[in-house]
């Protein structure tokens, strides 16, 4: 140990920062909030969680899973709403802690209610051809074999909120552009 007037050696100053090259740093766990849904939803969510666990077991990032409440028609029967307040609060809490929400299928308009409550405005839809499945497409396999794109759909327009497939045409001289809003969350994948 150096005296009061001596500076520590290089090794002493950096010893606590040295890392064994054989060890891997432990990444913080990813947070996934789960809404199992209804119908086939719980089965699909269970399969997705199984894949996440297998990736974790193979050395991937650790995943913390938290379970939310009922959504859709099941929630309407038990709580009177497709998206009960406690489930919306659960989703907001997960998002505020940097997590994501994995949602199973659910009836009613819970997705629209969740987007509105969390001020979400984009739906991201990844599209890619999977090995062995190109021949199952109605398109010719040679056309879709290299498809890899991300569809981005803006979901804050009135036609989306009201369930219309075709937005109304604005009167002559008026703009159909949706006004921008400050501080929006980026997306909800469903």
C-alpha atoms as a PDB file:
ATOM      1  CA  UNK A   1       0.000   0.000   0.000  1.00  0.00           C
ATOM      2  CA  UNK A   2       1.494   3.317  -0.976  1.00  0.00           C
ATOM      3  CA  UNK A   3       2.157   5.912   1.686  1.00  0.00           C
ATOM      4  CA  UNK A   4       0.104   9.089   1.989  1.00  0.00           C
ATOM      5  CA  UNK A   5       2.510  10.984  -0.271  1.00  0.00           C
ATOM      6  CA  UNK A   6       2.766   8.251  -2.930  1.00  0.00           C
ATOM      7  CA  UNK A   7       0.240   7.688  -5.739  1.00  0.00           C
ATOM      8  CA  UNK A   8      -1.099   4.170  -6.208  1.00  0.00           C
ATOM      9  CA  UNK A   9       0.480   1.972  -8.829  1.00  0.00           C
ATOM     10  CA  UNK A  10      -1.176   1.574 -12.224  1.00  0.00           C
ATOM     11  CA  UNK A  11      -2.348  -1.921 -11.299  1.00  0.00           C
ATOM     12  CA  UNK A  12      -3.883  -0.728  -8.032  1.00  0.00           C
ATOM     13  CA  UNK A  13      -5.775   2.072  -9.771  1.00  0.00           C
ATOM     14  CA  UNK A  14      -7.257  -0.203 -12.460  1.00  0.00           C
ATOM     15  CA  UNK A  15      -7.597  -3.529 -10.660  1.00  0.00           C
ATOM     16  CA  UNK A  16     -11.302  -3.015  -9.961  1.00  0.00           C
ATOM     17  CA  UNK A  17     -11.907  -2.261 -13.646  1.00  0.00           C
ATOM     18  CA  UNK A  18     -10.185  -5.331 -15.064  1.00  0.00           C
ATOM     19  CA  UNK A  19     -12.465  -8.009 -16.444  1.00  0.00           C
ATOM     20  CA  UNK A  20     -11.746 -11.644 -17.056  1.00  0.00           C
ATOM     21  CA  UNK A  21     -11.807 -11.972 -20.872  1.00  0.00           C
ATOM     22  CA  UNK A  22     -13.456 -15.409 -20.503  1.00  0.00           C
ATOM     23  CA  UNK A  23     -16.435 -14.000 -18.625  1.00  0.00           C
ATOM     24  CA  UNK A  24     -19.314 -12.184 -20.289  1.00  0.00           C
ATOM     25  CA  UNK A  25     -20.840  -9.072 -18.801  1.00  0.00           C
ATOM     26  CA  UNK A  26     -24.327  -9.620 -17.490  1.00  0.00           C
ATOM     27  CA  UNK A  27     -26.796  -7.427 -19.350  1.00  0.00           C
ATOM     28  CA  UNK A  28     -29.771  -6.077 -17.465  1.00  0.00           C
ATOM     29  CA  UNK A  29     -32.885  -8.138 -17.953  1.00  0.00           C
ATOM     30  CA  UNK A  30     -35.369  -7.122 -20.631  1.00  0.00           C
ATOM     31  CA  UNK A  31     -38.861  -6.527 -19.247  1.00  0.00           C
ATOM     32  CA  UNK A  32     -41.873  -8.086 -20.964  1.00  0.00           C
ATOM     33  CA  UNK A  33     -45.386  -7.411 -19.702  1.00  0.00           C
ATOM     34  CA  UNK A  34     -47.729 -10.199 -20.790  1.00  0.00           C
ATOM     35  CA  UNK A  35     -51.442 -10.024 -21.557  1.00  0.00           C
ATOM     36  CA  UNK A  36     -52.341 -13.649 -22.410  1.00  0.00           C
ATOM     37  CA  UNK A  37     -55.622 -12.697 -24.059  1.00  0.00           C
ATOM     38  CA  UNK A  38     -58.330 -15.191 -24.912  1.00  0.00           C
ATOM     39  CA  UNK A  39     -59.090 -17.902 -27.435  1.00  0.00           C
ATOM     40  CA  UNK A  40     -55.805 -18.957 -29.008  1.00  0.00           C
ATOM     41  CA  UNK A  41     -54.020 -15.980 -27.382  1.00  0.00           C
ATOM     42  CA  UNK A  42     -52.683 -17.778 -24.297  1.00  0.00           C
ATOM     43  CA  UNK A  43     -51.327 -20.639 -26.429  1.00  0.00           C
ATOM     44  CA  UNK A  44     -49.529 -18.255 -28.813  1.00  0.00           C
ATOM     45  CA  UNK A  45     -48.159 -16.151 -25.943  1.00  0.00           C
ATOM     46  CA  UNK A  46     -46.948 -19.303 -24.167  1.00  0.00           C
ATOM     47  CA  UNK A  47     -45.099 -20.401 -27.327  1.00  0.00           C
ATOM     48  CA  UNK A  48     -43.495 -16.944 -27.683  1.00  0.00           C
ATOM     49  CA  UNK A  49     -42.368 -17.024 -24.048  1.00  0.00           C
ATOM     50  CA  UNK A  50     -40.954 -20.518 -24.610  1.00  0.00           C
ATOM     51  CA  UNK A  51     -38.827 -19.171 -27.458  1.00  0.00           C
ATOM     52  CA  UNK A  52     -37.622 -16.294 -25.266  1.00  0.00           C
ATOM     53  CA  UNK A  53     -36.694 -18.727 -22.480  1.00  0.00           C
ATOM     54  CA  UNK A  54     -34.828 -20.980 -24.934  1.00  0.00           C
ATOM     55  CA  UNK A  55     -32.865 -17.974 -26.197  1.00  0.00           C
ATOM     56  CA  UNK A  56     -32.106 -16.966 -22.624  1.00  0.00           C
ATOM     57  CA  UNK A  57     -30.953 -20.522 -21.794  1.00  0.00           C
ATOM     58  CA  UNK A  58     -28.707 -20.485 -24.875  1.00  0.00           C
ATOM     59  CA  UNK A  59     -26.883 -17.440 -23.526  1.00  0.00           C
ATOM     60  CA  UNK A  60     -29.128 -14.625 -24.693  1.00  0.00           C
ATOM     61  CA  UNK A  61     -30.291 -11.686 -22.652  1.00  0.00           C
ATOM     62  CA  UNK A  62     -32.219 -12.436 -19.469  1.00  0.00           C
ATOM     63  CA  UNK A  63     -35.947 -11.668 -19.666  1.00  0.00           C
ATOM     64  CA  UNK A  64     -38.182 -10.705 -16.748  1.00  0.00           C
ATOM     65  CA  UNK A  65     -41.837 -11.484 -17.421  1.00  0.00           C
ATOM     66  CA  UNK A  66     -44.719  -9.849 -15.568  1.00  0.00           C
ATOM     67  CA  UNK A  67     -48.313 -10.980 -16.016  1.00  0.00           C
ATOM     68  CA  UNK A  68     -51.136  -8.485 -16.575  1.00  0.00           C
ATOM     69  CA  UNK A  69     -54.869  -8.994 -16.347  1.00  0.00           C
ATOM     70  CA  UNK A  70     -57.644 -10.015 -18.723  1.00  0.00           C
ATOM     71  CA  UNK A  71     -58.364  -8.193 -22.001  1.00  0.00           C
ATOM     72  CA  UNK A  72     -61.017  -8.383 -24.689  1.00  0.00           C
ATOM     73  CA  UNK A  73     -64.373 -10.079 -24.305  1.00  0.00           C
ATOM     74  CA  UNK A  74     -63.269 -11.933 -21.172  1.00  0.00           C
ATOM     75  CA  UNK A  75     -62.465  -8.582 -19.546  1.00  0.00           C
ATOM     76  CA  UNK A  76     -65.753  -7.095 -20.749  1.00  0.00           C
ATOM     77  CA  UNK A  77     -67.628  -9.895 -18.968  1.00  0.00           C
ATOM     78  CA  UNK A  78     -65.656  -9.604 -15.725  1.00  0.00           C
ATOM     79  CA  UNK A  79     -64.793  -5.892 -15.557  1.00  0.00           C
ATOM     80  CA  UNK A  80     -67.196  -4.208 -17.967  1.00  0.00           C
ATOM     81  CA  UNK A  81     -64.494  -3.018 -20.406  1.00  0.00           C
ATOM     82  CA  UNK A  82     -62.284  -4.667 -23.040  1.00  0.00           C
ATOM     83  CA  UNK A  83     -59.343  -2.851 -21.442  1.00  0.00           C
ATOM     84  CA  UNK A  84     -59.875  -2.470 -17.685  1.00  0.00           C
ATOM     85  CA  UNK A  85     -58.134   0.458 -15.988  1.00  0.00           C
ATOM     86  CA  UNK A  86     -55.807  -1.836 -14.002  1.00  0.00           C
ATOM     87  CA  UNK A  87     -54.601  -3.516 -17.224  1.00  0.00           C
ATOM     88  CA  UNK A  88     -54.016  -0.153 -18.915  1.00  0.00           C
ATOM     89  CA  UNK A  89     -52.099   0.988 -15.809  1.00  0.00           C
ATOM     90  CA  UNK A  90     -50.059  -2.242 -15.927  1.00  0.00           C
ATOM     91  CA  UNK A  91     -49.119  -1.580 -19.580  1.00  0.00           C
ATOM     92  CA  UNK A  92     -48.192   2.042 -18.820  1.00  0.00           C
ATOM     93  CA  UNK A  93     -46.022   0.924 -15.886  1.00  0.00           C
ATOM     94  CA  UNK A  94     -44.203  -1.624 -18.072  1.00  0.00           C
ATOM     95  CA  UNK A  95     -43.631   1.001 -20.784  1.00  0.00           C
ATOM     96  CA  UNK A  96     -42.390   3.591 -18.295  1.00  0.00           C
ATOM     97  CA  UNK A  97     -39.824   1.077 -17.017  1.00  0.00           C
ATOM     98  CA  UNK A  98     -38.542   0.546 -20.570  1.00  0.00           C
ATOM     99  CA  UNK A  99     -40.337  -2.731 -21.220  1.00  0.00           C
ATOM    100  CA  UNK A 100     -42.559  -4.063 -23.955  1.00  0.00           C
ATOM    101  CA  UNK A 101     -46.013  -5.621 -23.866  1.00  0.00           C
ATOM    102  CA  UNK A 102     -46.676  -9.009 -25.465  1.00  0.00           C
ATOM    103  CA  UNK A 103     -50.379  -9.325 -26.072  1.00  0.00           C
ATOM    104  CA  UNK A 104     -52.379 -12.360 -27.069  1.00  0.00           C
ATOM    105  CA  UNK A 105     -55.523 -12.196 -29.156  1.00  0.00           C
ATOM    106  CA  UNK A 106     -58.505 -10.530 -27.576  1.00  0.00           C
ATOM    107  CA  UNK A 107     -61.945  -9.463 -28.713  1.00  0.00           C
ATOM    108  CA  UNK A 108     -63.452  -6.027 -28.470  1.00  0.00           C
ATOM    109  CA  UNK A 109     -61.500  -2.838 -29.062  1.00  0.00           C
ATOM    110  CA  UNK A 110     -58.857  -3.211 -26.352  1.00  0.00           C
ATOM    111  CA  UNK A 111     -55.983  -2.504 -28.767  1.00  0.00           C
ATOM    112  CA  UNK A 112     -57.558   0.789 -29.843  1.00  0.00           C
ATOM    113  CA  UNK A 113     -58.255   1.716 -26.229  1.00  0.00           C
ATOM    114  CA  UNK A 114     -54.655   0.895 -25.284  1.00  0.00           C
ATOM    115  CA  UNK A 115     -53.257   2.972 -28.155  1.00  0.00           C
ATOM    116  CA  UNK A 116     -55.447   5.906 -27.130  1.00  0.00           C
ATOM    117  CA  UNK A 117     -54.600   5.689 -23.417  1.00  0.00           C
ATOM    118  CA  UNK A 118     -50.857   5.378 -24.033  1.00  0.00           C
ATOM    119  CA  UNK A 119     -50.906   7.893 -26.919  1.00  0.00           C
ATOM    120  CA  UNK A 120     -49.369   5.365 -29.288  1.00  0.00           C
ATOM    121  CA  UNK A 121     -49.425   6.332 -32.937  1.00  0.00           C
ATOM    122  CA  UNK A 122     -47.614   3.720 -35.025  1.00  0.00           C
ATOM    123  CA  UNK A 123     -48.158   0.086 -35.812  1.00  0.00           C
ATOM    124  CA  UNK A 124     -45.057  -1.753 -37.027  1.00  0.00           C
ATOM    125  CA  UNK A 125     -45.585  -4.816 -39.202  1.00  0.00           C
ATOM    126  CA  UNK A 126     -42.447  -6.745 -40.189  1.00  0.00           C
ATOM    127  CA  UNK A 127     -42.811  -8.641 -43.461  1.00  0.00           C
ATOM    128  CA  UNK A 128     -40.327 -11.273 -44.588  1.00  0.00           C
ATOM    129  CA  UNK A 129     -40.333 -14.550 -46.469  1.00  0.00           C
ATOM    130  CA  UNK A 130     -39.559 -17.527 -44.260  1.00  0.00           C
ATOM    131  CA  UNK A 131     -37.642 -20.529 -45.486  1.00  0.00           C
ATOM    132  CA  UNK A 132     -39.944 -23.218 -46.779  1.00  0.00           C
ATOM    133  CA  UNK A 133     -43.044 -21.029 -46.736  1.00  0.00           C
ATOM    134  CA  UNK A 134     -42.666 -19.116 -50.013  1.00  0.00           C
ATOM    135  CA  UNK A 135     -44.570 -21.825 -51.875  1.00  0.00           C
ATOM    136  CA  UNK A 136     -47.525 -21.317 -49.509  1.00  0.00           C
ATOM    137  CA  UNK A 137     -47.986 -17.715 -50.644  1.00  0.00           C
ATOM    138  CA  UNK A 138     -50.491 -16.728 -53.324  1.00  0.00           C
ATOM    139  CA  UNK A 139     -47.581 -14.818 -54.911  1.00  0.00           C
ATOM    140  CA  UNK A 140     -44.965 -16.579 -57.002  1.00  0.00           C
ATOM    141  CA  UNK A 141     -42.058 -17.782 -54.819  1.00  0.00           C
ATOM    142  CA  UNK A 142     -39.451 -16.076 -57.012  1.00  0.00           C
ATOM    143  CA  UNK A 143     -41.127 -12.731 -56.304  1.00  0.00           C
ATOM    144  CA  UNK A 144     -41.227 -13.015 -52.533  1.00  0.00           C
ATOM    145  CA  UNK A 145     -38.138 -15.057 -51.660  1.00  0.00           C
ATOM    146  CA  UNK A 146     -36.053 -11.960 -50.738  1.00  0.00           C
ATOM    147  CA  UNK A 147     -38.816  -9.847 -49.196  1.00  0.00           C
ATOM    148  CA  UNK A 148     -37.659  -8.113 -46.024  1.00  0.00           C
ATOM    149  CA  UNK A 149     -39.483  -4.927 -45.135  1.00  0.00           C
ATOM    150  CA  UNK A 150     -41.119  -3.088 -42.297  1.00  0.00           C
ATOM    151  CA  UNK A 151     -44.564  -1.596 -42.829  1.00  0.00           C
ATOM    152  CA  UNK A 152     -45.174   1.477 -40.712  1.00  0.00           C
ATOM    153  CA  UNK A 153     -48.812   2.408 -40.259  1.00  0.00           C
ATOM    154  CA  UNK A 154     -49.871   5.637 -38.607  1.00  0.00           C
ATOM    155  CA  UNK A 155     -52.780   4.827 -36.293  1.00  0.00           C
ATOM    156  CA  UNK A 156     -53.907   8.120 -34.812  1.00  0.00           C
ATOM    157  CA  UNK A 157     -56.323   9.124 -37.583  1.00  0.00           C
ATOM    158  CA  UNK A 158     -60.062   9.169 -36.988  1.00  0.00           C
ATOM    159  CA  UNK A 159     -60.648   6.289 -39.420  1.00  0.00           C
ATOM    160  CA  UNK A 160     -58.490   4.001 -37.287  1.00  0.00           C
ATOM    161  CA  UNK A 161     -59.977   5.136 -33.971  1.00  0.00           C
ATOM    162  CA  UNK A 162     -63.520   4.789 -35.266  1.00  0.00           C
ATOM    163  CA  UNK A 163     -62.952   1.475 -37.046  1.00  0.00           C
ATOM    164  CA  UNK A 164     -63.472   2.821 -40.584  1.00  0.00           C
ATOM    165  CA  UNK A 165     -61.373   1.385 -43.394  1.00  0.00           C
ATOM    166  CA  UNK A 166     -61.655   4.469 -45.637  1.00  0.00           C
ATOM    167  CA  UNK A 167     -61.148   7.920 -44.120  1.00  0.00           C
ATOM    168  CA  UNK A 168     -63.685  10.577 -45.050  1.00  0.00           C
ATOM    169  CA  UNK A 169     -62.743  13.017 -47.799  1.00  0.00           C
ATOM    170  CA  UNK A 170     -62.297  16.511 -46.312  1.00  0.00           C
ATOM    171  CA  UNK A 171     -64.393  19.397 -47.669  1.00  0.00           C
ATOM    172  CA  UNK A 172     -62.897  21.507 -50.466  1.00  0.00           C
ATOM    173  CA  UNK A 173     -60.004  23.616 -49.206  1.00  0.00           C
ATOM    174  CA  UNK A 174     -59.517  21.727 -45.931  1.00  0.00           C
ATOM    175  CA  UNK A 175     -56.500  19.563 -45.156  1.00  0.00           C
ATOM    176  CA  UNK A 176     -56.811  15.900 -44.230  1.00  0.00           C
ATOM    177  CA  UNK A 177     -53.477  15.947 -42.400  1.00  0.00           C
ATOM    178  CA  UNK A 178     -53.589  14.823 -38.790  1.00  0.00           C
ATOM    179  CA  UNK A 179     -52.217  17.583 -36.551  1.00  0.00           C
ATOM    180  CA  UNK A 180     -48.999  16.668 -34.803  1.00  0.00           C
ATOM    181  CA  UNK A 181     -49.009  16.154 -31.049  1.00  0.00           C
ATOM    182  CA  UNK A 182     -46.140  16.674 -28.651  1.00  0.00           C
ATOM    183  CA  UNK A 183     -44.496  13.824 -26.715  1.00  0.00           C
ATOM    184  CA  UNK A 184     -45.806  10.616 -28.217  1.00  0.00           C
ATOM    185  CA  UNK A 185     -44.671   7.107 -27.523  1.00  0.00           C
ATOM    186  CA  UNK A 186     -43.334   5.359 -30.597  1.00  0.00           C
ATOM    187  CA  UNK A 187     -45.364   2.184 -31.129  1.00  0.00           C
ATOM    188  CA  UNK A 188     -47.334  -0.819 -29.974  1.00  0.00           C
ATOM    189  CA  UNK A 189     -46.804  -4.058 -31.830  1.00  0.00           C
ATOM    190  CA  UNK A 190     -49.733  -6.414 -31.932  1.00  0.00           C
END
